Amino acid sequence: MTEPLHDHGKNSDKLLASMPTEANFIKAADTFQQLCDSTRLKILWLLCHSEECVYNIAAAVGMSGSAVSHHLRTLKQTGLIQYQRIGKEVHYTLANTAEARLVHQMIDDIFEMHCLK
């Protein structure tokens, strides 16, 4: 049983009435979790500022194409990146979502980057 809130004159009950669902918090945590891996952070940094194929991403982060593909799959699942097939290659870039725009802004701020894209 949930105890009633203490009334401190801060309108906590109104704030809690508008609290996002558990699913929304889980989605947000999944998004932020992508930033906790330095390789994914490098990939995101690159894709914030350019569209790249797996080969170029792998060369930029110093990993094999299959290892990079694993990270790209995770980033796609969280909706942070998108891709398009161009001939035989698949090109990746940052998604056009609110979450991806937030990540882009965070990356630019953290690395004191002025967006080139």
PDB file of N, CA and C in Angstrom:
ATOM      1  N   MET A   1       0.846  -1.187   0.000  1.00  0.00           N
ATOM      2  CA  MET A   1       0.000   0.000   0.000  1.00  0.00           C
ATOM      3  C   MET A   1       0.889   1.246   0.000  1.00  0.00           C
ATOM      4  N   THR A   2       0.538   2.210  -0.819  1.00  0.00           N
ATOM      5  CA  THR A   2       1.287   3.450  -0.913  1.00  0.00           C
ATOM      6  C   THR A   2       0.782   4.427   0.139  1.00  0.00           C
ATOM      7  N   GLU A   3       1.740   5.001   0.843  1.00  0.00           N
ATOM      8  CA  GLU A   3       1.402   5.995   1.863  1.00  0.00           C
ATOM      9  C   GLU A   3       1.085   7.321   1.182  1.00  0.00           C
ATOM     10  N   PRO A   4       0.196   8.124   1.799  1.00  0.00           N
ATOM     11  CA  PRO A   4      -0.075   9.449   1.218  1.00  0.00           C
ATOM     12  C   PRO A   4       1.168  10.333   1.301  1.00  0.00           C
ATOM     13  N   LEU A   5       1.264  11.251   0.361  1.00  0.00           N
ATOM     14  CA  LEU A   5       2.404  12.166   0.326  1.00  0.00           C
ATOM     15  C   LEU A   5       2.320  13.171   1.463  1.00  0.00           C
ATOM     16  N   HIS A   6       3.459  13.603   1.943  1.00  0.00           N
ATOM     17  CA  HIS A   6       3.500  14.713   2.885  1.00  0.00           C
ATOM     18  C   HIS A   6       3.229  15.982   2.099  1.00  0.00           C
ATOM     19  N   ASP A   7       2.421  16.843   2.643  1.00  0.00           N
ATOM     20  CA  ASP A   7       2.107  18.097   1.953  1.00  0.00           C
ATOM     21  C   ASP A   7       3.112  19.152   2.384  1.00  0.00           C
ATOM     22  N   HIS A   8       4.062  19.468   1.511  1.00  0.00           N
ATOM     23  CA  HIS A   8       5.077  20.480   1.782  1.00  0.00           C
ATOM     24  C   HIS A   8       4.800  21.748   0.985  1.00  0.00           C
ATOM     25  N   GLY A   9       3.608  21.847   0.426  1.00  0.00           N
ATOM     26  CA  GLY A   9       3.258  23.018  -0.362  1.00  0.00           C
ATOM     27  C   GLY A   9       3.949  23.076  -1.706  1.00  0.00           C
ATOM     28  N   LYS A  10       4.421  21.961  -2.193  1.00  0.00           N
ATOM     29  CA  LYS A  10       5.162  21.923  -3.466  1.00  0.00           C
ATOM     30  C   LYS A  10       4.366  21.292  -4.603  1.00  0.00           C
ATOM     31  N   ASN A  11       3.121  20.957  -4.368  1.00  0.00           N
ATOM     32  CA  ASN A  11       2.261  20.338  -5.381  1.00  0.00           C
ATOM     33  C   ASN A  11       2.830  19.023  -5.911  1.00  0.00           C
ATOM     34  N   SER A  12       3.452  18.243  -5.041  1.00  0.00           N
ATOM     35  CA  SER A  12       4.044  16.963  -5.445  1.00  0.00           C
ATOM     36  C   SER A  12       3.011  16.022  -6.037  1.00  0.00           C
ATOM     37  N   ASP A  13       1.790  16.061  -5.513  1.00  0.00           N
ATOM     38  CA  ASP A  13       0.750  15.166  -6.026  1.00  0.00           C
ATOM     39  C   ASP A  13       0.446  15.455  -7.487  1.00  0.00           C
ATOM     40  N   LYS A  14       0.436  16.729  -7.875  1.00  0.00           N
ATOM     41  CA  LYS A  14       0.187  17.088  -9.277  1.00  0.00           C
ATOM     42  C   LYS A  14       1.350  16.638 -10.163  1.00  0.00           C
ATOM     43  N   LEU A  15       2.558  16.821  -9.655  1.00  0.00           N
ATOM     44  CA  LEU A  15       3.729  16.382 -10.414  1.00  0.00           C
ATOM     45  C   LEU A  15       3.696  14.875 -10.625  1.00  0.00           C
ATOM     46  N   LEU A  16       3.431  14.131  -9.571  1.00  0.00           N
ATOM     47  CA  LEU A  16       3.401  12.671  -9.678  1.00  0.00           C
ATOM     48  C   LEU A  16       2.268  12.175 -10.565  1.00  0.00           C
ATOM     49  N   ALA A  17       1.186  12.931 -10.653  1.00  0.00           N
ATOM     50  CA  ALA A  17       0.072  12.546 -11.527  1.00  0.00           C
ATOM     51  C   ALA A  17       0.491  12.585 -13.000  1.00  0.00           C
ATOM     52  N   SER A  18       1.508  13.395 -13.311  1.00  0.00           N
ATOM     53  CA  SER A  18       1.960  13.487 -14.703  1.00  0.00           C
ATOM     54  C   SER A  18       3.244  12.697 -14.947  1.00  0.00           C
ATOM     55  N   MET A  19       3.633  11.859 -13.980  1.00  0.00           N
ATOM     56  CA  MET A  19       4.869  11.073 -14.126  1.00  0.00           C
ATOM     57  C   MET A  19       4.750  10.131 -15.325  1.00  0.00           C
ATOM     58  N   PRO A  20       5.800  10.062 -16.144  1.00  0.00           N
ATOM     59  CA  PRO A  20       5.787   9.132 -17.287  1.00  0.00           C
ATOM     60  C   PRO A  20       5.607   7.677 -16.821  1.00  0.00           C
ATOM     61  N   THR A  21       5.218   6.845 -17.748  1.00  0.00           N
ATOM     62  CA  THR A  21       5.005   5.431 -17.430  1.00  0.00           C
ATOM     63  C   THR A  21       6.347   4.734 -17.222  1.00  0.00           C
ATOM     64  N   GLU A  22       6.297   3.558 -16.625  1.00  0.00           N
ATOM     65  CA  GLU A  22       7.507   2.756 -16.427  1.00  0.00           C
ATOM     66  C   GLU A  22       8.155   2.440 -17.772  1.00  0.00           C
ATOM     67  N   ALA A  23       7.342   2.168 -18.786  1.00  0.00           N
ATOM     68  CA  ALA A  23       7.883   1.873 -20.118  1.00  0.00           C
ATOM     69  C   ALA A  23       8.674   3.059 -20.666  1.00  0.00           C
ATOM     70  N   ASN A  24       8.200   4.276 -20.405  1.00  0.00           N
ATOM     71  CA  ASN A  24       8.925   5.468 -20.859  1.00  0.00           C
ATOM     72  C   ASN A  24      10.266   5.597 -20.142  1.00  0.00           C
ATOM     73  N   PHE A  25      10.294   5.302 -18.840  1.00  0.00           N
ATOM     74  CA  PHE A  25      11.557   5.363 -18.102  1.00  0.00           C
ATOM     75  C   PHE A  25      12.537   4.296 -18.598  1.00  0.00           C
ATOM     76  N   ILE A  26      12.021   3.123 -18.920  1.00  0.00           N
ATOM     77  CA  ILE A  26      12.876   2.050 -19.438  1.00  0.00           C
ATOM     78  C   ILE A  26      13.462   2.456 -20.791  1.00  0.00           C
ATOM     79  N   LYS A  27      12.636   3.054 -21.649  1.00  0.00           N
ATOM     80  CA  LYS A  27      13.120   3.506 -22.960  1.00  0.00           C
ATOM     81  C   LYS A  27      14.204   4.572 -22.792  1.00  0.00           C
ATOM     82  N   ALA A  28      13.997   5.508 -21.875  1.00  0.00           N
ATOM     83  CA  ALA A  28      14.996   6.549 -21.630  1.00  0.00           C
ATOM     84  C   ALA A  28      16.292   5.939 -21.099  1.00  0.00           C
ATOM     85  N   ALA A  29      16.179   4.978 -20.195  1.00  0.00           N
ATOM     86  CA  ALA A  29      17.371   4.319 -19.651  1.00  0.00           C
ATOM     87  C   ALA A  29      18.125   3.577 -20.746  1.00  0.00           C
ATOM     88  N   ASP A  30      17.394   2.924 -21.661  1.00  0.00           N
ATOM     89  CA  ASP A  30      18.034   2.233 -22.789  1.00  0.00           C
ATOM     90  C   ASP A  30      18.804   3.220 -23.670  1.00  0.00           C
ATOM     91  N   THR A  31      18.209   4.387 -23.890  1.00  0.00           N
ATOM     92  CA  THR A  31      18.864   5.411 -24.699  1.00  0.00           C
ATOM     93  C   THR A  31      20.150   5.879 -24.031  1.00  0.00           C
ATOM     94  N   PHE A  32      20.080   6.209 -22.747  1.00  0.00           N
ATOM     95  CA  PHE A  32      21.265   6.693 -22.041  1.00  0.00           C
ATOM     96  C   PHE A  32      22.316   5.605 -21.885  1.00  0.00           C
ATOM     97  N   GLN A  33      21.883   4.354 -21.832  1.00  0.00           N
ATOM     98  CA  GLN A  33      22.833   3.246 -21.702  1.00  0.00           C
ATOM     99  C   GLN A  33      23.757   3.177 -22.920  1.00  0.00           C
ATOM    100  N   GLN A  34      23.269   3.619 -24.070  1.00  0.00           N
ATOM    101  CA  GLN A  34      24.102   3.590 -25.275  1.00  0.00           C
ATOM    102  C   GLN A  34      25.320   4.492 -25.140  1.00  0.00           C
ATOM    103  N   LEU A  35      25.223   5.506 -24.292  1.00  0.00           N
ATOM    104  CA  LEU A  35      26.316   6.450 -24.105  1.00  0.00           C
ATOM    105  C   LEU A  35      27.364   5.944 -23.123  1.00  0.00           C
ATOM    106  N   CYS A  36      27.108   4.812 -22.503  1.00  0.00           N
ATOM    107  CA  CYS A  36      28.015   4.277 -21.479  1.00  0.00           C
ATOM    108  C   CYS A  36      29.111   3.391 -22.066  1.00  0.00           C
ATOM    109  N   ASP A  37      29.122   3.201 -23.352  1.00  0.00           N
ATOM    110  CA  ASP A  37      30.127   2.388 -24.011  1.00  0.00           C
ATOM    111  C   ASP A  37      30.951   3.305 -24.908  1.00  0.00           C
ATOM    112  N   SER A  38      32.266   3.330 -24.708  1.00  0.00           N
ATOM    113  CA  SER A  38      33.092   4.279 -25.459  1.00  0.00           C
ATOM    114  C   SER A  38      33.061   4.027 -26.965  1.00  0.00           C
ATOM    115  N   THR A  39      32.943   2.781 -27.382  1.00  0.00           N
ATOM    116  CA  THR A  39      32.877   2.501 -28.826  1.00  0.00           C
ATOM    117  C   THR A  39      31.584   3.049 -29.417  1.00  0.00           C
ATOM    118  N   ARG A  40      30.461   2.787 -28.745  1.00  0.00           N
ATOM    119  CA  ARG A  40      29.190   3.327 -29.253  1.00  0.00           C
ATOM    120  C   ARG A  40      29.209   4.855 -29.229  1.00  0.00           C
ATOM    121  N   LEU A  41      29.844   5.430 -28.220  1.00  0.00           N
ATOM    122  CA  LEU A  41      29.948   6.880 -28.147  1.00  0.00           C
ATOM    123  C   LEU A  41      30.764   7.419 -29.321  1.00  0.00           C
ATOM    124  N   LYS A  42      31.851   6.739 -29.682  1.00  0.00           N
ATOM    125  CA  LYS A  42      32.644   7.134 -30.859  1.00  0.00           C
ATOM    126  C   LYS A  42      31.799   7.039 -32.126  1.00  0.00           C
ATOM    127  N   ILE A  43      31.057   5.944 -32.244  1.00  0.00           N
ATOM    128  CA  ILE A  43      30.203   5.757 -33.429  1.00  0.00           C
ATOM    129  C   ILE A  43      29.155   6.861 -33.486  1.00  0.00           C
ATOM    130  N   LEU A  44      28.527   7.145 -32.356  1.00  0.00           N
ATOM    131  CA  LEU A  44      27.516   8.203 -32.328  1.00  0.00           C
ATOM    132  C   LEU A  44      28.133   9.551 -32.674  1.00  0.00           C
ATOM    133  N   TRP A  45      29.315   9.826 -32.136  1.00  0.00           N
ATOM    134  CA  TRP A  45      29.992  11.084 -32.443  1.00  0.00           C
ATOM    135  C   TRP A  45      30.180  11.210 -33.956  1.00  0.00           C
ATOM    136  N   LEU A  46      30.664  10.141 -34.585  1.00  0.00           N
ATOM    137  CA  LEU A  46      30.888  10.144 -36.021  1.00  0.00           C
ATOM    138  C   LEU A  46      29.583  10.347 -36.786  1.00  0.00           C
ATOM    139  N   LEU A  47      28.537   9.607 -36.391  1.00  0.00           N
ATOM    140  CA  LEU A  47      27.276   9.662 -37.125  1.00  0.00           C
ATOM    141  C   LEU A  47      26.480  10.931 -36.856  1.00  0.00           C
ATOM    142  N   CYS A  48      26.815  11.638 -35.787  1.00  0.00           N
ATOM    143  CA  CYS A  48      26.215  12.957 -35.564  1.00  0.00           C
ATOM    144  C   CYS A  48      26.671  13.940 -36.631  1.00  0.00           C
ATOM    145  N   HIS A  49      27.842  13.675 -37.181  1.00  0.00           N
ATOM    146  CA  HIS A  49      28.464  14.658 -38.054  1.00  0.00           C
ATOM    147  C   HIS A  49      28.682  14.184 -39.483  1.00  0.00           C
ATOM    148  N   SER A  50      28.328  12.934 -39.774  1.00  0.00           N
ATOM    149  CA  SER A  50      28.477  12.450 -41.142  1.00  0.00           C
ATOM    150  C   SER A  50      27.643  11.191 -41.340  1.00  0.00           C
ATOM    151  N   GLU A  51      27.463  10.834 -42.580  1.00  0.00           N
ATOM    152  CA  GLU A  51      26.828   9.568 -42.944  1.00  0.00           C
ATOM    153  C   GLU A  51      27.951   8.649 -43.392  1.00  0.00           C
ATOM    154  N   GLU A  52      28.003   7.443 -42.827  1.00  0.00           N
ATOM    155  CA  GLU A  52      29.129   6.556 -43.105  1.00  0.00           C
ATOM    156  C   GLU A  52      28.681   5.120 -43.317  1.00  0.00           C
ATOM    157  N   CYS A  53      29.500   4.377 -44.065  1.00  0.00           N
ATOM    158  CA  CYS A  53      29.294   2.938 -44.240  1.00  0.00           C
ATOM    159  C   CYS A  53      30.019   2.196 -43.116  1.00  0.00           C
ATOM    160  N   VAL A  54      29.717   0.915 -42.960  1.00  0.00           N
ATOM    161  CA  VAL A  54      30.328   0.104 -41.907  1.00  0.00           C
ATOM    162  C   VAL A  54      31.851   0.105 -42.035  1.00  0.00           C
ATOM    163  N   TYR A  55      32.356   0.011 -43.251  1.00  0.00           N
ATOM    164  CA  TYR A  55      33.806  -0.018 -43.471  1.00  0.00           C
ATOM    165  C   TYR A  55      34.473   1.225 -42.895  1.00  0.00           C
ATOM    166  N   ASN A  56      33.914   2.407 -43.197  1.00  0.00           N
ATOM    167  CA  ASN A  56      34.490   3.660 -42.698  1.00  0.00           C
ATOM    168  C   ASN A  56      34.347   3.788 -41.182  1.00  0.00           C
ATOM    169  N   ILE A  57      33.212   3.349 -40.655  1.00  0.00           N
ATOM    170  CA  ILE A  57      33.012   3.402 -39.204  1.00  0.00           C
ATOM    171  C   ILE A  57      34.034   2.500 -38.514  1.00  0.00           C
ATOM    172  N   ALA A  58      34.210   1.295 -39.058  1.00  0.00           N
ATOM    173  CA  ALA A  58      35.167   0.349 -38.478  1.00  0.00           C
ATOM    174  C   ALA A  58      36.579   0.927 -38.497  1.00  0.00           C
ATOM    175  N   ALA A  59      36.954   1.549 -39.601  1.00  0.00           N
ATOM    176  CA  ALA A  59      38.286   2.150 -39.697  1.00  0.00           C
ATOM    177  C   ALA A  59      38.436   3.296 -38.696  1.00  0.00           C
ATOM    178  N   ALA A  60      37.393   4.079 -38.528  1.00  0.00           N
ATOM    179  CA  ALA A  60      37.452   5.233 -37.627  1.00  0.00           C
ATOM    180  C   ALA A  60      37.588   4.826 -36.163  1.00  0.00           C
ATOM    181  N   VAL A  61      36.943   3.717 -35.784  1.00  0.00           N
ATOM    182  CA  VAL A  61      36.984   3.303 -34.374  1.00  0.00           C
ATOM    183  C   VAL A  61      37.996   2.189 -34.126  1.00  0.00           C
ATOM    184  N   GLY A  62      38.656   1.713 -35.188  1.00  0.00           N
ATOM    185  CA  GLY A  62      39.696   0.700 -35.036  1.00  0.00           C
ATOM    186  C   GLY A  62      39.176  -0.661 -34.626  1.00  0.00           C
ATOM    187  N   MET A  63      38.077  -1.076 -35.231  1.00  0.00           N
ATOM    188  CA  MET A  63      37.473  -2.380 -34.930  1.00  0.00           C
ATOM    189  C   MET A  63      37.130  -3.092 -36.229  1.00  0.00           C
ATOM    190  N   SER A  64      36.809  -4.370 -36.101  1.00  0.00           N
ATOM    191  CA  SER A  64      36.373  -5.135 -37.273  1.00  0.00           C
ATOM    192  C   SER A  64      34.960  -4.708 -37.667  1.00  0.00           C
ATOM    193  N   GLY A  65      34.637  -4.959 -38.916  1.00  0.00           N
ATOM    194  CA  GLY A  65      33.301  -4.655 -39.407  1.00  0.00           C
ATOM    195  C   GLY A  65      32.218  -5.397 -38.645  1.00  0.00           C
ATOM    196  N   SER A  66      32.485  -6.656 -38.281  1.00  0.00           N
ATOM    197  CA  SER A  66      31.470  -7.439 -37.552  1.00  0.00           C
ATOM    198  C   SER A  66      31.258  -6.886 -36.145  1.00  0.00           C
ATOM    199  N   ALA A  67      32.332  -6.433 -35.494  1.00  0.00           N
ATOM    200  CA  ALA A  67      32.183  -5.839 -34.162  1.00  0.00           C
ATOM    201  C   ALA A  67      31.395  -4.538 -34.241  1.00  0.00           C
ATOM    202  N   VAL A  68      31.682  -3.725 -35.257  1.00  0.00           N
ATOM    203  CA  VAL A  68      30.958  -2.474 -35.447  1.00  0.00           C
ATOM    204  C   VAL A  68      29.493  -2.757 -35.770  1.00  0.00           C
ATOM    205  N   SER A  69      29.239  -3.774 -36.581  1.00  0.00           N
ATOM    206  CA  SER A  69      27.857  -4.131 -36.921  1.00  0.00           C
ATOM    207  C   SER A  69      27.045  -4.472 -35.677  1.00  0.00           C
ATOM    208  N   HIS A  70      27.677  -5.134 -34.719  1.00  0.00           N
ATOM    209  CA  HIS A  70      27.004  -5.449 -33.451  1.00  0.00           C
ATOM    210  C   HIS A  70      26.587  -4.158 -32.745  1.00  0.00           C
ATOM    211  N   HIS A  71      27.490  -3.187 -32.672  1.00  0.00           N
ATOM    212  CA  HIS A  71      27.161  -1.913 -32.029  1.00  0.00           C
ATOM    213  C   HIS A  71      26.085  -1.164 -32.813  1.00  0.00           C
ATOM    214  N   LEU A  72      26.175  -1.192 -34.132  1.00  0.00           N
ATOM    215  CA  LEU A  72      25.175  -0.515 -34.964  1.00  0.00           C
ATOM    216  C   LEU A  72      23.797  -1.124 -34.758  1.00  0.00           C
ATOM    217  N   ARG A  73      23.736  -2.437 -34.625  1.00  0.00           N
ATOM    218  CA  ARG A  73      22.461  -3.115 -34.390  1.00  0.00           C
ATOM    219  C   ARG A  73      21.839  -2.610 -33.083  1.00  0.00           C
ATOM    220  N   THR A  74      22.641  -2.494 -32.044  1.00  0.00           N
ATOM    221  CA  THR A  74      22.153  -2.002 -30.760  1.00  0.00           C
ATOM    222  C   THR A  74      21.658  -0.563 -30.868  1.00  0.00           C
ATOM    223  N   LEU A  75      22.413   0.263 -31.569  1.00  0.00           N
ATOM    224  CA  LEU A  75      22.016   1.660 -31.738  1.00  0.00           C
ATOM    225  C   LEU A  75      20.740   1.783 -32.572  1.00  0.00           C
ATOM    226  N   LYS A  76      20.575   0.914 -33.577  1.00  0.00           N
ATOM    227  CA  LYS A  76      19.342   0.912 -34.378  1.00  0.00           C
ATOM    228  C   LYS A  76      18.153   0.512 -33.522  1.00  0.00           C
ATOM    229  N   GLN A  77      18.339  -0.492 -32.673  1.00  0.00           N
ATOM    230  CA  GLN A  77      17.245  -0.978 -31.828  1.00  0.00           C
ATOM    231  C   GLN A  77      16.737   0.092 -30.872  1.00  0.00           C
ATOM    232  N   THR A  78      17.610   0.977 -30.441  1.00  0.00           N
ATOM    233  CA  THR A  78      17.174   2.046 -29.540  1.00  0.00           C
ATOM    234  C   THR A  78      16.693   3.281 -30.298  1.00  0.00           C
ATOM    235  N   GLY A  79      16.742   3.224 -31.620  1.00  0.00           N
ATOM    236  CA  GLY A  79      16.219   4.315 -32.428  1.00  0.00           C
ATOM    237  C   GLY A  79      17.135   5.522 -32.543  1.00  0.00           C
ATOM    238  N   LEU A  80      18.413   5.347 -32.219  1.00  0.00           N
ATOM    239  CA  LEU A  80      19.334   6.483 -32.286  1.00  0.00           C
ATOM    240  C   LEU A  80      19.940   6.684 -33.665  1.00  0.00           C
ATOM    241  N   ILE A  81      20.005   5.617 -34.459  1.00  0.00           N
ATOM    242  CA  ILE A  81      20.567   5.756 -35.803  1.00  0.00           C
ATOM    243  C   ILE A  81      19.593   5.180 -36.823  1.00  0.00           C
ATOM    244  N   GLN A  82      19.791   5.595 -38.057  1.00  0.00           N
ATOM    245  CA  GLN A  82      19.012   5.062 -39.173  1.00  0.00           C
ATOM    246  C   GLN A  82      19.979   4.708 -40.286  1.00  0.00           C
ATOM    247  N   TYR A  83      19.486   3.991 -41.263  1.00  0.00           N
ATOM    248  CA  TYR A  83      20.366   3.573 -42.353  1.00  0.00           C
ATOM    249  C   TYR A  83      19.618   3.592 -43.667  1.00  0.00           C
ATOM    250  N   GLN A  84      20.402   3.608 -44.729  1.00  0.00           N
ATOM    251  CA  GLN A  84      19.840   3.455 -46.069  1.00  0.00           C
ATOM    252  C   GLN A  84      20.825   2.659 -46.906  1.00  0.00           C
ATOM    253  N   ARG A  85      20.282   1.836 -47.765  1.00  0.00           N
ATOM    254  CA  ARG A  85      21.108   1.027 -48.652  1.00  0.00           C
ATOM    255  C   ARG A  85      21.410   1.853 -49.905  1.00  0.00           C
ATOM    256  N   ILE A  86      22.700   1.934 -50.221  1.00  0.00           N
ATOM    257  CA  ILE A  86      23.139   2.628 -51.430  1.00  0.00           C
ATOM    258  C   ILE A  86      23.975   1.620 -52.205  1.00  0.00           C
ATOM    259  N   GLY A  87      23.370   1.045 -53.237  1.00  0.00           N
ATOM    260  CA  GLY A  87      24.028  -0.028 -53.974  1.00  0.00           C
ATOM    261  C   GLY A  87      24.223  -1.222 -53.056  1.00  0.00           C
ATOM    262  N   LYS A  88      25.464  -1.678 -52.941  1.00  0.00           N
ATOM    263  CA  LYS A  88      25.767  -2.822 -52.075  1.00  0.00           C
ATOM    264  C   LYS A  88      26.102  -2.405 -50.643  1.00  0.00           C
ATOM    265  N   GLU A  89      26.232  -1.104 -50.419  1.00  0.00           N
ATOM    266  CA  GLU A  89      26.613  -0.618 -49.092  1.00  0.00           C
ATOM    267  C   GLU A  89      25.397  -0.132 -48.307  1.00  0.00           C
ATOM    268  N   VAL A  90      25.540  -0.176 -46.996  1.00  0.00           N
ATOM    269  CA  VAL A  90      24.549   0.395 -46.098  1.00  0.00           C
ATOM    270  C   VAL A  90      25.219   1.589 -45.426  1.00  0.00           C
ATOM    271  N   HIS A  91      24.563   2.743 -45.515  1.00  0.00           N
ATOM    272  CA  HIS A  91      25.085   3.964 -44.913  1.00  0.00           C
ATOM    273  C   HIS A  91      24.262   4.310 -43.685  1.00  0.00           C
ATOM    274  N   TYR A  92      24.956   4.690 -42.618  1.00  0.00           N
ATOM    275  CA  TYR A  92      24.324   4.989 -41.338  1.00  0.00           C
ATOM    276  C   TYR A  92      24.472   6.465 -41.012  1.00  0.00           C
ATOM    277  N   THR A  93      23.484   6.989 -40.326  1.00  0.00           N
ATOM    278  CA  THR A  93      23.517   8.359 -39.825  1.00  0.00           C
ATOM    279  C   THR A  93      22.647   8.425 -38.583  1.00  0.00           C
ATOM    280  N   LEU A  94      22.729   9.536 -37.881  1.00  0.00           N
ATOM    281  CA  LEU A  94      21.913   9.724 -36.705  1.00  0.00           C
ATOM    282  C   LEU A  94      20.449   9.808 -37.118  1.00  0.00           C
ATOM    283  N   ALA A  95      19.576   9.219 -36.339  1.00  0.00           N
ATOM    284  CA  ALA A  95      18.142   9.247 -36.639  1.00  0.00           C
ATOM    285  C   ALA A  95      17.587  10.653 -36.434  1.00  0.00           C
ATOM    286  N   ASN A  96      16.445  10.896 -37.021  1.00  0.00           N
ATOM    287  CA  ASN A  96      15.758  12.175 -36.857  1.00  0.00           C
ATOM    288  C   ASN A  96      14.668  12.011 -35.795  1.00  0.00           C
ATOM    289  N   THR A  97      15.103  11.782 -34.557  1.00  0.00           N
ATOM    290  CA  THR A  97      14.177  11.618 -33.434  1.00  0.00           C
ATOM    291  C   THR A  97      14.583  12.582 -32.320  1.00  0.00           C
ATOM    292  N   ALA A  98      13.667  12.821 -31.403  1.00  0.00           N
ATOM    293  CA  ALA A  98      13.968  13.694 -30.265  1.00  0.00           C
ATOM    294  C   ALA A  98      15.133  13.141 -29.454  1.00  0.00           C
ATOM    295  N   GLU A  99      15.147  11.823 -29.261  1.00  0.00           N
ATOM    296  CA  GLU A  99      16.223  11.201 -28.489  1.00  0.00           C
ATOM    297  C   GLU A  99      17.572  11.383 -29.178  1.00  0.00           C
ATOM    298  N   ALA A 100      17.598  11.180 -30.486  1.00  0.00           N
ATOM    299  CA  ALA A 100      18.846  11.318 -31.239  1.00  0.00           C
ATOM    300  C   ALA A 100      19.322  12.765 -31.246  1.00  0.00           C
ATOM    301  N   ARG A 101      18.388  13.709 -31.359  1.00  0.00           N
ATOM    302  CA  ARG A 101      18.780  15.122 -31.319  1.00  0.00           C
ATOM    303  C   ARG A 101      19.364  15.482 -29.954  1.00  0.00           C
ATOM    304  N   LEU A 102      18.796  14.927 -28.889  1.00  0.00           N
ATOM    305  CA  LEU A 102      19.331  15.161 -27.547  1.00  0.00           C
ATOM    306  C   LEU A 102      20.736  14.585 -27.426  1.00  0.00           C
ATOM    307  N   VAL A 103      20.930  13.365 -27.915  1.00  0.00           N
ATOM    308  CA  VAL A 103      22.253  12.740 -27.884  1.00  0.00           C
ATOM    309  C   VAL A 103      23.250  13.581 -28.680  1.00  0.00           C
ATOM    310  N   HIS A 104      22.820  14.056 -29.839  1.00  0.00           N
ATOM    311  CA  HIS A 104      23.685  14.897 -30.674  1.00  0.00           C
ATOM    312  C   HIS A 104      24.111  16.138 -29.893  1.00  0.00           C
ATOM    313  N   GLN A 105      23.157  16.808 -29.261  1.00  0.00           N
ATOM    314  CA  GLN A 105      23.480  18.018 -28.493  1.00  0.00           C
ATOM    315  C   GLN A 105      24.429  17.700 -27.343  1.00  0.00           C
ATOM    316  N   MET A 106      24.195  16.581 -26.669  1.00  0.00           N
ATOM    317  CA  MET A 106      25.064  16.184 -25.561  1.00  0.00           C
ATOM    318  C   MET A 106      26.480  15.922 -26.054  1.00  0.00           C
ATOM    319  N   ILE A 107      26.606  15.206 -27.162  1.00  0.00           N
ATOM    320  CA  ILE A 107      27.923  14.897 -27.719  1.00  0.00           C
ATOM    321  C   ILE A 107      28.643  16.179 -28.118  1.00  0.00           C
ATOM    322  N   ASP A 108      27.937  17.087 -28.782  1.00  0.00           N
ATOM    323  CA  ASP A 108      28.561  18.347 -29.165  1.00  0.00           C
ATOM    324  C   ASP A 108      29.014  19.126 -27.936  1.00  0.00           C
ATOM    325  N   ASP A 109      28.190  19.145 -26.897  1.00  0.00           N
ATOM    326  CA  ASP A 109      28.545  19.878 -25.676  1.00  0.00           C
ATOM    327  C   ASP A 109      29.720  19.226 -24.952  1.00  0.00           C
ATOM    328  N   ILE A 110      29.687  17.910 -24.812  1.00  0.00           N
ATOM    329  CA  ILE A 110      30.744  17.198 -24.088  1.00  0.00           C
ATOM    330  C   ILE A 110      32.093  17.372 -24.775  1.00  0.00           C
ATOM    331  N   PHE A 111      32.100  17.279 -26.081  1.00  0.00           N
ATOM    332  CA  PHE A 111      33.357  17.346 -26.818  1.00  0.00           C
ATOM    333  C   PHE A 111      33.636  18.744 -27.383  1.00  0.00           C
ATOM    334  N   GLU A 112      32.845  19.713 -26.936  1.00  0.00           N
ATOM    335  CA  GLU A 112      33.007  21.100 -27.363  1.00  0.00           C
ATOM    336  C   GLU A 112      33.124  21.195 -28.876  1.00  0.00           C
ATOM    337  N   MET A 113      32.177  20.539 -29.526  1.00  0.00           N
ATOM    338  CA  MET A 113      32.156  20.434 -30.980  1.00  0.00           C
ATOM    339  C   MET A 113      31.142  21.426 -31.532  1.00  0.00           C
ATOM    340  N   HIS A 114      31.463  22.039 -32.617  1.00  0.00           N
ATOM    341  CA  HIS A 114      30.509  22.860 -33.340  1.00  0.00           C
ATOM    342  C   HIS A 114      30.077  22.024 -34.531  1.00  0.00           C
ATOM    343  N   CYS A 115      28.821  21.700 -34.563  1.00  0.00           N
ATOM    344  CA  CYS A 115      28.312  20.758 -35.544  1.00  0.00           C
ATOM    345  C   CYS A 115      28.650  21.180 -36.967  1.00  0.00           C
ATOM    346  N   LEU A 116      29.159  20.208 -37.721  1.00  0.00           N
ATOM    347  CA  LEU A 116      29.510  20.446 -39.124  1.00  0.00           C
ATOM    348  C   LEU A 116      28.385  20.034 -40.061  1.00  0.00           C
ATOM    349  N   LYS A 117      27.390  19.355 -39.519  1.00  0.00           N
ATOM    350  CA  LYS A 117      26.325  18.796 -40.351  1.00  0.00           C
ATOM    351  C   LYS A 117      25.139  19.713 -40.395  1.00  0.00           C
TER     352      LYS A 117
END
